[in-house]
Amino acid sequence: MIELKSIKKAFNTNGTAFQALKGVSLKVARGEFVSITGQSGSGKTTLLSILGGLTPPTDGELTIDGIEVYGLSNERLADFRREYIGFVFQQFHLMPFLTALENVMLPLSITGRKERDMKDMAYAALNRMGLRGHEKKLPSELSGGEQQRVAIARALVNEPPLILADEPTGNLDSKTGEEIFSLFEELNRAGKTVLIVTHNPEISSKADRRIVLKDGLVL
């Protein structure tokens, strides 16, 4: 499903060049569950950002489902992200003044669907995450684990085939983190391709495959 060819990414900070990725090449099969690990500064988050169509590489090529991602126009790239990719972050990025249901409906707001259809899809996504009865609660009324479940529901509401998660259990206690990871395993068994960036060796060891980055290269 995913192929990266010699992906490089350089940043320029205050006149100083930094090579975050130095020629990463790898393939991920459809339906695979992959963990990406490595020390801080190894390039994990940069790689995930490139995979998500958020940060163009300095050099190299990314193909997802036969589509050359960074050959797309900006408008089509935005459509591609919405259709293909569900993002889950360490910080939940929920709108504090919106209910759980309204937060999950956000990605649907630009699809042109009727409001009733959007609500039905959001209810279904929340129910899938075990949040029936929490639809009208604000993020401040939810626990950390419940907020992350809302964030996952938001990522899933469009039914994207690819889930990208950046330290999704990093702000959670170990028990809640295990519960959240189990949700990703369920999504993978349901056919989703899942890539998770994590520092947690227990989580990374449970994936189908572990990719280790060091100094911008795959070990």
N, C-alpha and C. Protein backbone atom coordinates (compact mmCIF):
# COMPACT_ATOMS: atom_id res chain seq x y z
N MET A 1 0.82 -1.21 0.00
CA MET A 1 0.00 0.00 0.00
C MET A 1 0.86 1.26 0.00
N ILE A 2 1.99 1.22 0.73
CA ILE A 2 2.86 2.38 0.86
C ILE A 2 4.26 2.03 0.36
N GLU A 3 4.84 2.94 -0.41
CA GLU A 3 6.23 2.78 -0.83
C GLU A 3 6.95 4.12 -0.74
N LEU A 4 8.03 4.14 0.02
CA LEU A 4 8.89 5.31 0.10
C LEU A 4 10.20 4.99 -0.61
N LYS A 5 10.63 5.90 -1.48
CA LYS A 5 11.87 5.72 -2.23
C LYS A 5 12.83 6.86 -1.91
N SER A 6 13.89 6.54 -1.19
CA SER A 6 14.98 7.48 -0.90
C SER A 6 14.47 8.82 -0.38
N ILE A 7 13.58 8.76 0.62
CA ILE A 7 13.00 9.98 1.18
C ILE A 7 14.04 10.72 2.04
N LYS A 8 14.24 11.99 1.70
CA LYS A 8 15.12 12.85 2.48
C LYS A 8 14.34 14.09 2.90
N LYS A 9 14.68 14.61 4.08
CA LYS A 9 14.06 15.84 4.54
C LYS A 9 15.07 16.66 5.32
N ALA A 10 15.29 17.90 4.84
CA ALA A 10 16.20 18.82 5.50
C ALA A 10 15.42 20.01 6.02
N PHE A 11 15.78 20.49 7.18
CA PHE A 11 15.20 21.69 7.76
C PHE A 11 16.30 22.73 7.93
N ASN A 12 15.90 23.99 7.81
CA ASN A 12 16.85 25.07 8.02
C ASN A 12 16.38 25.91 9.20
N THR A 13 17.13 25.86 10.29
CA THR A 13 16.77 26.58 11.51
C THR A 13 17.83 27.62 11.83
N ASN A 14 17.42 28.87 11.77
CA ASN A 14 18.35 29.97 12.07
C ASN A 14 19.63 29.87 11.26
N GLY A 15 19.46 29.52 9.98
CA GLY A 15 20.61 29.45 9.10
C GLY A 15 21.41 28.16 9.18
N THR A 16 20.99 27.25 10.04
CA THR A 16 21.69 25.97 10.21
C THR A 16 20.87 24.85 9.60
N ALA A 17 21.43 24.09 8.68
CA ALA A 17 20.73 23.00 8.03
C ALA A 17 20.77 21.75 8.89
N PHE A 18 19.65 21.06 8.96
CA PHE A 18 19.56 19.80 9.71
C PHE A 18 18.89 18.75 8.84
N GLN A 19 19.54 17.62 8.64
CA GLN A 19 19.02 16.55 7.81
C GLN A 19 18.25 15.58 8.71
N ALA A 20 16.91 15.70 8.72
CA ALA A 20 16.09 14.86 9.59
C ALA A 20 15.98 13.43 9.05
N LEU A 21 15.84 13.30 7.73
CA LEU A 21 15.79 11.98 7.09
C LEU A 21 16.84 11.97 5.98
N LYS A 22 17.57 10.84 5.88
CA LYS A 22 18.75 10.82 5.02
C LYS A 22 18.66 9.78 3.90
N GLY A 23 17.43 9.47 3.48
CA GLY A 23 17.27 8.49 2.40
C GLY A 23 16.56 7.24 2.87
N VAL A 24 15.32 7.43 3.30
CA VAL A 24 14.53 6.31 3.84
C VAL A 24 13.76 5.64 2.71
N SER A 25 13.95 4.34 2.57
CA SER A 25 13.21 3.54 1.60
C SER A 25 12.58 2.36 2.33
N LEU A 26 11.28 2.19 2.14
CA LEU A 26 10.60 1.04 2.75
C LEU A 26 9.23 0.84 2.10
N LYS A 27 8.66 -0.33 2.33
CA LYS A 27 7.33 -0.66 1.83
C LYS A 27 6.47 -1.16 3.00
N VAL A 28 5.19 -0.82 2.94
CA VAL A 28 4.22 -1.31 3.93
C VAL A 28 3.07 -1.95 3.16
N ALA A 29 2.76 -3.19 3.49
CA ALA A 29 1.69 -3.90 2.80
C ALA A 29 0.32 -3.47 3.30
N ARG A 30 -0.68 -3.61 2.46
CA ARG A 30 -2.05 -3.31 2.87
C ARG A 30 -2.45 -4.23 4.02
N GLY A 31 -3.03 -3.63 5.08
CA GLY A 31 -3.47 -4.41 6.22
C GLY A 31 -2.38 -4.72 7.22
N GLU A 32 -1.18 -4.17 7.04
CA GLU A 32 -0.09 -4.44 7.97
C GLU A 32 -0.19 -3.51 9.18
N PHE A 33 0.35 -3.96 10.30
CA PHE A 33 0.43 -3.16 11.52
C PHE A 33 1.91 -2.94 11.80
N VAL A 34 2.35 -1.68 11.69
CA VAL A 34 3.78 -1.36 11.77
C VAL A 34 4.03 -0.35 12.89
N SER A 35 5.04 -0.61 13.69
CA SER A 35 5.48 0.38 14.69
C SER A 35 6.77 1.03 14.19
N ILE A 36 6.91 2.32 14.50
CA ILE A 36 8.12 3.07 14.15
C ILE A 36 8.73 3.56 15.45
N THR A 37 9.95 3.13 15.73
CA THR A 37 10.59 3.48 16.99
C THR A 37 11.94 4.14 16.72
N GLY A 38 12.52 4.64 17.79
CA GLY A 38 13.82 5.31 17.70
C GLY A 38 13.93 6.39 18.75
N GLN A 39 15.13 6.80 19.02
CA GLN A 39 15.35 7.84 20.02
C GLN A 39 14.81 9.18 19.53
N SER A 40 14.66 10.12 20.46
CA SER A 40 14.24 11.47 20.09
C SER A 40 15.23 12.05 19.09
N GLY A 41 14.69 12.67 18.04
CA GLY A 41 15.55 13.24 17.01
C GLY A 41 15.93 12.28 15.91
N SER A 42 15.41 11.05 15.97
CA SER A 42 15.77 10.06 14.95
C SER A 42 15.02 10.24 13.64
N GLY A 43 13.93 11.04 13.66
CA GLY A 43 13.19 11.30 12.43
C GLY A 43 11.82 10.66 12.38
N LYS A 44 11.36 10.09 13.50
CA LYS A 44 10.09 9.35 13.51
C LYS A 44 8.90 10.24 13.12
N THR A 45 8.75 11.36 13.83
CA THR A 45 7.60 12.23 13.59
C THR A 45 7.69 12.87 12.21
N THR A 46 8.90 13.21 11.76
CA THR A 46 9.07 13.75 10.41
C THR A 46 8.61 12.74 9.37
N LEU A 47 8.97 11.48 9.57
CA LEU A 47 8.57 10.43 8.64
C LEU A 47 7.05 10.28 8.62
N LEU A 48 6.43 10.29 9.79
CA LEU A 48 4.97 10.15 9.86
C LEU A 48 4.29 11.35 9.19
N SER A 49 4.84 12.53 9.37
CA SER A 49 4.28 13.73 8.77
C SER A 49 4.36 13.67 7.25
N ILE A 50 5.45 13.14 6.73
CA ILE A 50 5.59 12.96 5.27
C ILE A 50 4.60 11.91 4.79
N LEU A 51 4.47 10.81 5.51
CA LEU A 51 3.51 9.76 5.14
C LEU A 51 2.08 10.29 5.11
N GLY A 52 1.79 11.25 6.00
CA GLY A 52 0.45 11.80 6.09
C GLY A 52 0.15 12.91 5.10
N GLY A 53 1.11 13.23 4.24
CA GLY A 53 0.86 14.29 3.26
C GLY A 53 0.90 15.67 3.85
N LEU A 54 1.55 15.81 5.02
CA LEU A 54 1.59 17.10 5.71
C LEU A 54 2.89 17.87 5.47
N THR A 55 3.97 17.13 5.22
CA THR A 55 5.28 17.75 5.05
C THR A 55 5.96 17.18 3.81
N PRO A 56 6.15 17.97 2.77
CA PRO A 56 6.79 17.43 1.55
C PRO A 56 8.26 17.11 1.80
N PRO A 57 8.76 16.01 1.27
CA PRO A 57 10.17 15.69 1.43
C PRO A 57 11.04 16.63 0.60
N THR A 58 12.28 16.76 1.01
CA THR A 58 13.24 17.52 0.22
C THR A 58 13.58 16.77 -1.05
N ASP A 59 13.61 15.46 -0.96
CA ASP A 59 13.93 14.62 -2.11
C ASP A 59 13.30 13.25 -1.88
N GLY A 60 13.06 12.51 -2.97
CA GLY A 60 12.47 11.18 -2.86
C GLY A 60 11.02 11.16 -3.27
N GLU A 61 10.43 9.98 -3.21
CA GLU A 61 9.06 9.79 -3.70
C GLU A 61 8.25 8.94 -2.73
N LEU A 62 7.01 9.37 -2.51
CA LEU A 62 6.06 8.62 -1.68
C LEU A 62 4.86 8.22 -2.52
N THR A 63 4.58 6.92 -2.54
CA THR A 63 3.43 6.40 -3.27
C THR A 63 2.52 5.66 -2.29
N ILE A 64 1.24 6.03 -2.28
CA ILE A 64 0.25 5.34 -1.46
C ILE A 64 -0.88 4.88 -2.36
N ASP A 65 -1.12 3.57 -2.34
CA ASP A 65 -2.19 2.99 -3.16
C ASP A 65 -2.02 3.40 -4.63
N GLY A 66 -0.78 3.44 -5.09
CA GLY A 66 -0.50 3.77 -6.48
C GLY A 66 -0.51 5.25 -6.82
N ILE A 67 -0.75 6.09 -5.82
CA ILE A 67 -0.82 7.54 -6.04
C ILE A 67 0.48 8.19 -5.56
N GLU A 68 1.12 8.95 -6.45
CA GLU A 68 2.31 9.70 -6.06
C GLU A 68 1.84 10.92 -5.28
N VAL A 69 1.96 10.85 -3.97
CA VAL A 69 1.30 11.81 -3.07
C VAL A 69 1.74 13.24 -3.32
N TYR A 70 3.04 13.47 -3.43
CA TYR A 70 3.51 14.85 -3.56
C TYR A 70 3.57 15.32 -5.01
N GLY A 71 2.97 14.52 -5.90
CA GLY A 71 2.74 14.98 -7.26
C GLY A 71 1.36 15.59 -7.42
N LEU A 72 0.56 15.55 -6.34
CA LEU A 72 -0.80 16.09 -6.37
C LEU A 72 -0.78 17.59 -6.15
N SER A 73 -1.80 18.27 -6.68
CA SER A 73 -1.98 19.68 -6.40
C SER A 73 -2.36 19.84 -4.93
N ASN A 74 -2.22 21.05 -4.40
CA ASN A 74 -2.56 21.29 -2.99
C ASN A 74 -4.00 20.93 -2.69
N GLU A 75 -4.91 21.25 -3.59
CA GLU A 75 -6.33 20.96 -3.39
C GLU A 75 -6.58 19.45 -3.39
N ARG A 76 -5.96 18.77 -4.34
CA ARG A 76 -6.15 17.32 -4.42
C ARG A 76 -5.45 16.61 -3.25
N LEU A 77 -4.34 17.18 -2.80
CA LEU A 77 -3.64 16.60 -1.65
C LEU A 77 -4.51 16.67 -0.41
N ALA A 78 -5.23 17.77 -0.22
CA ALA A 78 -6.15 17.89 0.92
C ALA A 78 -7.26 16.85 0.82
N ASP A 79 -7.77 16.64 -0.39
CA ASP A 79 -8.79 15.60 -0.59
C ASP A 79 -8.23 14.22 -0.28
N PHE A 80 -6.99 13.99 -0.71
CA PHE A 80 -6.34 12.70 -0.49
C PHE A 80 -6.21 12.40 1.01
N ARG A 81 -5.75 13.41 1.77
CA ARG A 81 -5.61 13.21 3.22
C ARG A 81 -6.95 12.86 3.85
N ARG A 82 -8.00 13.54 3.43
CA ARG A 82 -9.33 13.31 4.01
C ARG A 82 -9.84 11.91 3.67
N GLU A 83 -9.59 11.46 2.45
CA GLU A 83 -10.13 10.19 1.99
C GLU A 83 -9.32 8.99 2.47
N TYR A 84 -8.01 9.15 2.58
CA TYR A 84 -7.14 8.01 2.80
C TYR A 84 -6.60 7.86 4.21
N ILE A 85 -6.49 8.98 4.96
CA ILE A 85 -5.68 8.95 6.18
C ILE A 85 -6.45 9.44 7.40
N GLY A 86 -6.34 8.67 8.48
CA GLY A 86 -6.85 9.09 9.77
C GLY A 86 -5.68 9.36 10.69
N PHE A 87 -5.61 10.56 11.25
CA PHE A 87 -4.49 10.95 12.12
C PHE A 87 -4.91 10.86 13.59
N VAL A 88 -4.02 10.31 14.42
CA VAL A 88 -4.21 10.30 15.87
C VAL A 88 -2.90 10.78 16.49
N PHE A 89 -3.00 11.77 17.39
CA PHE A 89 -1.80 12.38 17.96
C PHE A 89 -1.72 12.14 19.47
N GLN A 90 -0.52 12.40 20.02
CA GLN A 90 -0.34 12.30 21.46
C GLN A 90 -1.21 13.33 22.18
N GLN A 91 -1.19 14.55 21.68
CA GLN A 91 -2.11 15.58 22.16
C GLN A 91 -3.43 15.37 21.43
N PHE A 92 -4.53 15.36 22.14
CA PHE A 92 -5.80 14.93 21.55
C PHE A 92 -6.33 15.92 20.52
N HIS A 93 -5.98 17.20 20.65
CA HIS A 93 -6.40 18.24 19.69
C HIS A 93 -7.92 18.29 19.52
N LEU A 94 -8.63 18.12 20.62
CA LEU A 94 -10.09 18.26 20.58
C LEU A 94 -10.45 19.73 20.80
N MET A 95 -11.51 20.18 20.12
CA MET A 95 -11.99 21.54 20.34
C MET A 95 -12.70 21.60 21.69
N PRO A 96 -12.21 22.40 22.64
CA PRO A 96 -12.75 22.36 24.01
C PRO A 96 -14.19 22.81 24.13
N PHE A 97 -14.67 23.61 23.18
CA PHE A 97 -16.03 24.15 23.25
C PHE A 97 -17.03 23.32 22.45
N LEU A 98 -16.57 22.21 21.87
CA LEU A 98 -17.44 21.32 21.12
C LEU A 98 -17.65 20.02 21.88
N THR A 99 -18.82 19.42 21.75
CA THR A 99 -19.08 18.13 22.37
C THR A 99 -18.30 17.04 21.66
N ALA A 100 -18.28 15.86 22.26
CA ALA A 100 -17.61 14.72 21.62
C ALA A 100 -18.18 14.47 20.24
N LEU A 101 -19.50 14.51 20.11
CA LEU A 101 -20.14 14.29 18.82
C LEU A 101 -19.71 15.34 17.81
N GLU A 102 -19.70 16.60 18.23
CA GLU A 102 -19.34 17.69 17.31
C GLU A 102 -17.87 17.61 16.90
N ASN A 103 -17.01 17.20 17.83
CA ASN A 103 -15.60 17.01 17.48
C ASN A 103 -15.43 15.94 16.41
N VAL A 104 -16.15 14.85 16.56
CA VAL A 104 -16.04 13.75 15.59
C VAL A 104 -16.63 14.15 14.23
N MET A 105 -17.60 15.05 14.24
CA MET A 105 -18.22 15.49 12.99
C MET A 105 -17.34 16.44 12.19
N LEU A 106 -16.31 17.01 12.82
CA LEU A 106 -15.50 18.04 12.16
C LEU A 106 -14.94 17.62 10.79
N PRO A 107 -14.34 16.43 10.64
CA PRO A 107 -13.81 16.06 9.33
C PRO A 107 -14.88 15.92 8.25
N LEU A 108 -16.13 15.76 8.68
CA LEU A 108 -17.22 15.58 7.71
C LEU A 108 -17.79 16.91 7.23
N SER A 109 -17.41 17.99 7.91
CA SER A 109 -18.05 19.29 7.65
C SER A 109 -17.75 19.83 6.27
N ILE A 110 -16.68 19.33 5.64
CA ILE A 110 -16.32 19.84 4.30
C ILE A 110 -16.63 18.81 3.20
N THR A 111 -17.39 17.79 3.55
CA THR A 111 -17.68 16.74 2.57
C THR A 111 -18.98 16.97 1.81
N GLY A 112 -19.78 17.94 2.26
CA GLY A 112 -21.03 18.21 1.57
C GLY A 112 -22.16 17.27 1.96
N ARG A 113 -21.95 16.45 3.00
CA ARG A 113 -23.00 15.55 3.44
C ARG A 113 -24.08 16.30 4.21
N LYS A 114 -25.26 15.71 4.27
CA LYS A 114 -26.33 16.29 5.07
C LYS A 114 -26.00 16.14 6.55
N GLU A 115 -26.48 17.08 7.36
CA GLU A 115 -26.15 17.06 8.79
C GLU A 115 -26.62 15.78 9.46
N ARG A 116 -27.79 15.27 9.08
CA ARG A 116 -28.29 14.04 9.69
C ARG A 116 -27.34 12.88 9.40
N ASP A 117 -26.83 12.82 8.16
CA ASP A 117 -25.90 11.75 7.80
C ASP A 117 -24.60 11.89 8.58
N MET A 118 -24.12 13.13 8.75
CA MET A 118 -22.89 13.35 9.50
C MET A 118 -23.05 12.92 10.95
N LYS A 119 -24.20 13.24 11.53
CA LYS A 119 -24.45 12.84 12.92
C LYS A 119 -24.51 11.33 13.05
N ASP A 120 -25.16 10.68 12.11
CA ASP A 120 -25.25 9.21 12.15
C ASP A 120 -23.86 8.58 12.09
N MET A 121 -22.99 9.12 11.22
CA MET A 121 -21.63 8.59 11.08
C MET A 121 -20.82 8.84 12.35
N ALA A 122 -21.00 10.02 12.96
CA ALA A 122 -20.27 10.35 14.18
C ALA A 122 -20.75 9.48 15.34
N TYR A 123 -22.06 9.28 15.46
CA TYR A 123 -22.59 8.39 16.50
C TYR A 123 -22.01 6.98 16.34
N ALA A 124 -21.95 6.49 15.11
CA ALA A 124 -21.45 5.15 14.86
C ALA A 124 -19.96 5.04 15.24
N ALA A 125 -19.18 6.08 14.92
CA ALA A 125 -17.75 6.06 15.24
C ALA A 125 -17.53 6.08 16.74
N LEU A 126 -18.31 6.90 17.46
CA LEU A 126 -18.18 6.95 18.92
C LEU A 126 -18.61 5.64 19.57
N ASN A 127 -19.66 5.06 19.04
CA ASN A 127 -20.13 3.77 19.56
C ASN A 127 -19.08 2.69 19.37
N ARG A 128 -18.41 2.75 18.22
CA ARG A 128 -17.33 1.80 17.91
C ARG A 128 -16.20 1.90 18.93
N MET A 129 -16.00 3.10 19.47
CA MET A 129 -14.95 3.34 20.46
C MET A 129 -15.45 3.14 21.89
N GLY A 130 -16.67 2.62 22.06
CA GLY A 130 -17.20 2.37 23.39
C GLY A 130 -17.64 3.61 24.13
N LEU A 131 -18.08 4.63 23.39
CA LEU A 131 -18.43 5.92 24.01
C LEU A 131 -19.92 6.24 23.90
N ARG A 132 -20.74 5.22 23.79
CA ARG A 132 -22.18 5.47 23.78
C ARG A 132 -22.58 6.15 25.10
N GLY A 133 -23.36 7.23 25.01
CA GLY A 133 -23.77 7.98 26.19
C GLY A 133 -22.87 9.15 26.52
N HIS A 134 -21.73 9.26 25.80
CA HIS A 134 -20.80 10.36 26.05
C HIS A 134 -20.85 11.42 24.94
N GLU A 135 -21.79 11.27 24.02
CA GLU A 135 -21.80 12.12 22.83
C GLU A 135 -21.92 13.61 23.12
N LYS A 136 -22.64 13.97 24.18
CA LYS A 136 -22.90 15.39 24.45
C LYS A 136 -21.94 15.99 25.47
N LYS A 137 -20.95 15.23 25.88
CA LYS A 137 -19.99 15.73 26.86
C LYS A 137 -18.89 16.55 26.18
N LEU A 138 -18.43 17.58 26.87
CA LEU A 138 -17.29 18.37 26.43
C LEU A 138 -16.00 17.62 26.78
N PRO A 139 -14.89 17.92 26.10
CA PRO A 139 -13.62 17.24 26.43
C PRO A 139 -13.25 17.35 27.91
N SER A 140 -13.54 18.48 28.55
CA SER A 140 -13.20 18.67 29.96
C SER A 140 -13.98 17.73 30.88
N GLU A 141 -15.05 17.15 30.38
CA GLU A 141 -15.87 16.22 31.16
C GLU A 141 -15.47 14.76 30.93
N LEU A 142 -14.42 14.55 30.13
CA LEU A 142 -13.98 13.21 29.78
C LEU A 142 -12.60 12.94 30.37
N SER A 143 -12.31 11.68 30.66
CA SER A 143 -10.98 11.29 31.11
C SER A 143 -10.01 11.34 29.92
N GLY A 144 -8.71 11.21 30.22
CA GLY A 144 -7.72 11.21 29.15
C GLY A 144 -7.96 10.10 28.15
N GLY A 145 -8.26 8.90 28.66
CA GLY A 145 -8.52 7.78 27.76
C GLY A 145 -9.75 7.99 26.90
N GLU A 146 -10.78 8.60 27.50
CA GLU A 146 -12.00 8.88 26.73
C GLU A 146 -11.74 9.95 25.67
N GLN A 147 -10.93 10.94 26.01
CA GLN A 147 -10.59 11.96 25.01
C GLN A 147 -9.83 11.34 23.84
N GLN A 148 -8.92 10.42 24.13
CA GLN A 148 -8.19 9.78 23.03
C GLN A 148 -9.11 8.91 22.20
N ARG A 149 -10.11 8.30 22.81
CA ARG A 149 -11.09 7.52 22.06
C ARG A 149 -11.90 8.42 21.13
N VAL A 150 -12.23 9.62 21.61
CA VAL A 150 -12.92 10.59 20.75
C VAL A 150 -12.03 10.96 19.58
N ALA A 151 -10.73 11.17 19.86
CA ALA A 151 -9.79 11.52 18.80
C ALA A 151 -9.67 10.40 17.77
N ILE A 152 -9.70 9.16 18.23
CA ILE A 152 -9.64 8.02 17.30
C ILE A 152 -10.93 7.94 16.49
N ALA A 153 -12.07 8.17 17.15
CA ALA A 153 -13.35 8.17 16.43
C ALA A 153 -13.34 9.24 15.34
N ARG A 154 -12.80 10.40 15.66
CA ARG A 154 -12.70 11.47 14.66
C ARG A 154 -11.82 11.04 13.48
N ALA A 155 -10.73 10.33 13.77
CA ALA A 155 -9.84 9.86 12.71
C ALA A 155 -10.51 8.81 11.84
N LEU A 156 -11.47 8.07 12.43
CA LEU A 156 -12.09 6.95 11.72
C LEU A 156 -13.38 7.30 10.99
N VAL A 157 -13.94 8.46 11.30
CA VAL A 157 -15.32 8.73 10.87
C VAL A 157 -15.47 8.70 9.35
N ASN A 158 -14.41 9.02 8.62
CA ASN A 158 -14.45 8.95 7.15
C ASN A 158 -14.12 7.57 6.61
N GLU A 159 -13.85 6.61 7.51
CA GLU A 159 -13.45 5.25 7.13
C GLU A 159 -12.21 5.24 6.22
N PRO A 160 -11.13 5.94 6.62
CA PRO A 160 -9.91 5.91 5.81
C PRO A 160 -9.24 4.54 5.92
N PRO A 161 -8.55 4.10 4.86
CA PRO A 161 -7.89 2.80 4.91
C PRO A 161 -6.58 2.81 5.70
N LEU A 162 -6.02 4.01 5.95
CA LEU A 162 -4.72 4.13 6.60
C LEU A 162 -4.82 4.96 7.87
N ILE A 163 -4.34 4.42 9.00
CA ILE A 163 -4.33 5.12 10.28
C ILE A 163 -2.88 5.41 10.65
N LEU A 164 -2.57 6.69 10.91
CA LEU A 164 -1.25 7.11 11.34
C LEU A 164 -1.37 7.68 12.76
N ALA A 165 -0.61 7.13 13.69
CA ALA A 165 -0.72 7.56 15.08
C ALA A 165 0.66 7.92 15.62
N ASP A 166 0.77 9.11 16.20
CA ASP A 166 2.03 9.60 16.75
C ASP A 166 1.96 9.59 18.27
N GLU A 167 2.61 8.62 18.88
CA GLU A 167 2.63 8.45 20.34
C GLU A 167 1.21 8.52 20.93
N PRO A 168 0.28 7.71 20.42
CA PRO A 168 -1.12 7.85 20.85
C PRO A 168 -1.38 7.49 22.30
N THR A 169 -0.43 6.78 22.94
CA THR A 169 -0.60 6.42 24.35
C THR A 169 0.34 7.21 25.26
N GLY A 170 1.05 8.18 24.70
CA GLY A 170 2.10 8.88 25.44
C GLY A 170 1.61 9.66 26.64
N ASN A 171 0.37 10.16 26.59
CA ASN A 171 -0.17 10.96 27.69
C ASN A 171 -1.09 10.17 28.61
N LEU A 172 -1.07 8.85 28.49
CA LEU A 172 -2.01 8.02 29.23
C LEU A 172 -1.27 7.11 30.20
N ASP A 173 -1.96 6.71 31.28
CA ASP A 173 -1.37 5.73 32.18
C ASP A 173 -1.29 4.38 31.47
N SER A 174 -0.51 3.47 32.04
CA SER A 174 -0.22 2.21 31.34
C SER A 174 -1.47 1.39 31.04
N LYS A 175 -2.40 1.32 31.98
CA LYS A 175 -3.61 0.53 31.76
C LYS A 175 -4.45 1.13 30.64
N THR A 176 -4.65 2.46 30.67
CA THR A 176 -5.43 3.11 29.61
C THR A 176 -4.70 3.01 28.28
N GLY A 177 -3.37 3.12 28.33
CA GLY A 177 -2.58 2.99 27.11
C GLY A 177 -2.75 1.63 26.46
N GLU A 178 -2.79 0.58 27.27
CA GLU A 178 -3.01 -0.77 26.74
C GLU A 178 -4.40 -0.89 26.12
N GLU A 179 -5.40 -0.26 26.74
CA GLU A 179 -6.76 -0.29 26.19
C GLU A 179 -6.81 0.42 24.84
N ILE A 180 -6.13 1.57 24.74
CA ILE A 180 -6.12 2.31 23.49
C ILE A 180 -5.38 1.52 22.41
N PHE A 181 -4.28 0.89 22.79
CA PHE A 181 -3.54 0.09 21.81
C PHE A 181 -4.40 -1.07 21.31
N SER A 182 -5.18 -1.66 22.20
CA SER A 182 -6.07 -2.75 21.79
C SER A 182 -7.06 -2.29 20.73
N LEU A 183 -7.49 -1.02 20.83
CA LEU A 183 -8.40 -0.48 19.81
C LEU A 183 -7.72 -0.46 18.44
N PHE A 184 -6.44 -0.09 18.42
CA PHE A 184 -5.71 -0.08 17.15
C PHE A 184 -5.57 -1.50 16.60
N GLU A 185 -5.37 -2.46 17.49
CA GLU A 185 -5.29 -3.85 17.04
C GLU A 185 -6.62 -4.29 16.42
N GLU A 186 -7.74 -3.88 17.05
CA GLU A 186 -9.06 -4.22 16.50
C GLU A 186 -9.25 -3.58 15.13
N LEU A 187 -8.83 -2.33 14.99
CA LEU A 187 -8.96 -1.64 13.70
C LEU A 187 -8.13 -2.35 12.63
N ASN A 188 -6.95 -2.81 13.03
CA ASN A 188 -6.11 -3.53 12.09
C ASN A 188 -6.75 -4.84 11.66
N ARG A 189 -7.33 -5.56 12.62
CA ARG A 189 -8.01 -6.82 12.28
C ARG A 189 -9.20 -6.57 11.36
N ALA A 190 -9.78 -5.36 11.46
CA ALA A 190 -10.92 -5.00 10.60
C ALA A 190 -10.47 -4.56 9.21
N GLY A 191 -9.15 -4.56 8.97
CA GLY A 191 -8.66 -4.27 7.63
C GLY A 191 -7.89 -2.98 7.45
N LYS A 192 -7.76 -2.19 8.53
CA LYS A 192 -7.03 -0.93 8.43
C LYS A 192 -5.52 -1.20 8.43
N THR A 193 -4.81 -0.43 7.63
CA THR A 193 -3.35 -0.41 7.70
C THR A 193 -2.98 0.60 8.78
N VAL A 194 -2.16 0.19 9.75
CA VAL A 194 -1.88 1.03 10.92
C VAL A 194 -0.38 1.22 11.08
N LEU A 195 0.05 2.49 11.20
CA LEU A 195 1.43 2.83 11.52
C LEU A 195 1.44 3.66 12.80
N ILE A 196 2.17 3.19 13.79
CA ILE A 196 2.23 3.87 15.08
C ILE A 196 3.67 4.24 15.42
N VAL A 197 3.90 5.51 15.71
CA VAL A 197 5.17 5.96 16.27
C VAL A 197 5.07 5.83 17.79
N THR A 198 6.04 5.16 18.39
CA THR A 198 5.99 4.95 19.84
C THR A 198 7.38 4.80 20.43
N HIS A 199 7.53 5.24 21.68
CA HIS A 199 8.75 4.98 22.45
C HIS A 199 8.59 3.73 23.30
N ASN A 200 7.36 3.22 23.40
CA ASN A 200 7.05 2.13 24.31
C ASN A 200 7.45 0.78 23.69
N PRO A 201 8.46 0.10 24.25
CA PRO A 201 8.91 -1.17 23.66
C PRO A 201 7.85 -2.27 23.70
N GLU A 202 6.99 -2.25 24.73
CA GLU A 202 5.94 -3.27 24.82
C GLU A 202 4.95 -3.10 23.66
N ILE A 203 4.60 -1.85 23.35
CA ILE A 203 3.67 -1.60 22.26
C ILE A 203 4.33 -1.94 20.92
N SER A 204 5.56 -1.51 20.73
CA SER A 204 6.22 -1.75 19.44
C SER A 204 6.40 -3.23 19.16
N SER A 205 6.60 -4.02 20.23
CA SER A 205 6.83 -5.46 20.05
C SER A 205 5.57 -6.20 19.62
N LYS A 206 4.39 -5.58 19.82
CA LYS A 206 3.14 -6.24 19.47
C LYS A 206 2.74 -6.03 18.01
N ALA A 207 3.42 -5.13 17.32
CA ALA A 207 3.10 -4.87 15.92
C ALA A 207 3.57 -6.01 15.04
N ASP A 208 3.03 -6.08 13.82
CA ASP A 208 3.48 -7.10 12.86
C ASP A 208 4.96 -6.93 12.54
N ARG A 209 5.36 -5.66 12.48
CA ARG A 209 6.74 -5.34 12.10
C ARG A 209 7.18 -4.07 12.80
N ARG A 210 8.43 -4.03 13.21
CA ARG A 210 8.97 -2.84 13.86
C ARG A 210 10.04 -2.22 12.98
N ILE A 211 9.88 -0.93 12.70
CA ILE A 211 10.88 -0.18 11.95
C ILE A 211 11.62 0.72 12.93
N VAL A 212 12.93 0.61 12.96
CA VAL A 212 13.75 1.39 13.89
C VAL A 212 14.50 2.45 13.11
N LEU A 213 14.35 3.70 13.53
CA LEU A 213 15.07 4.82 12.92
C LEU A 213 16.21 5.25 13.84
N LYS A 214 17.32 5.62 13.23
CA LYS A 214 18.45 6.19 13.97
C LYS A 214 19.14 7.22 13.08
N ASP A 215 19.19 8.44 13.57
CA ASP A 215 19.85 9.53 12.83
C ASP A 215 19.33 9.66 11.40
N GLY A 216 18.03 9.53 11.25
CA GLY A 216 17.41 9.74 9.95
C GLY A 216 17.50 8.60 8.97
N LEU A 217 17.91 7.42 9.45
CA LEU A 217 18.03 6.25 8.59
C LEU A 217 17.31 5.06 9.23
N VAL A 218 16.86 4.11 8.41
CA VAL A 218 16.25 2.87 8.90
C VAL A 218 17.35 1.89 9.20
N LEU A 219 17.34 1.37 10.45
CA LEU A 219 18.33 0.33 10.79
C LEU A 219 17.92 -1.00 10.19
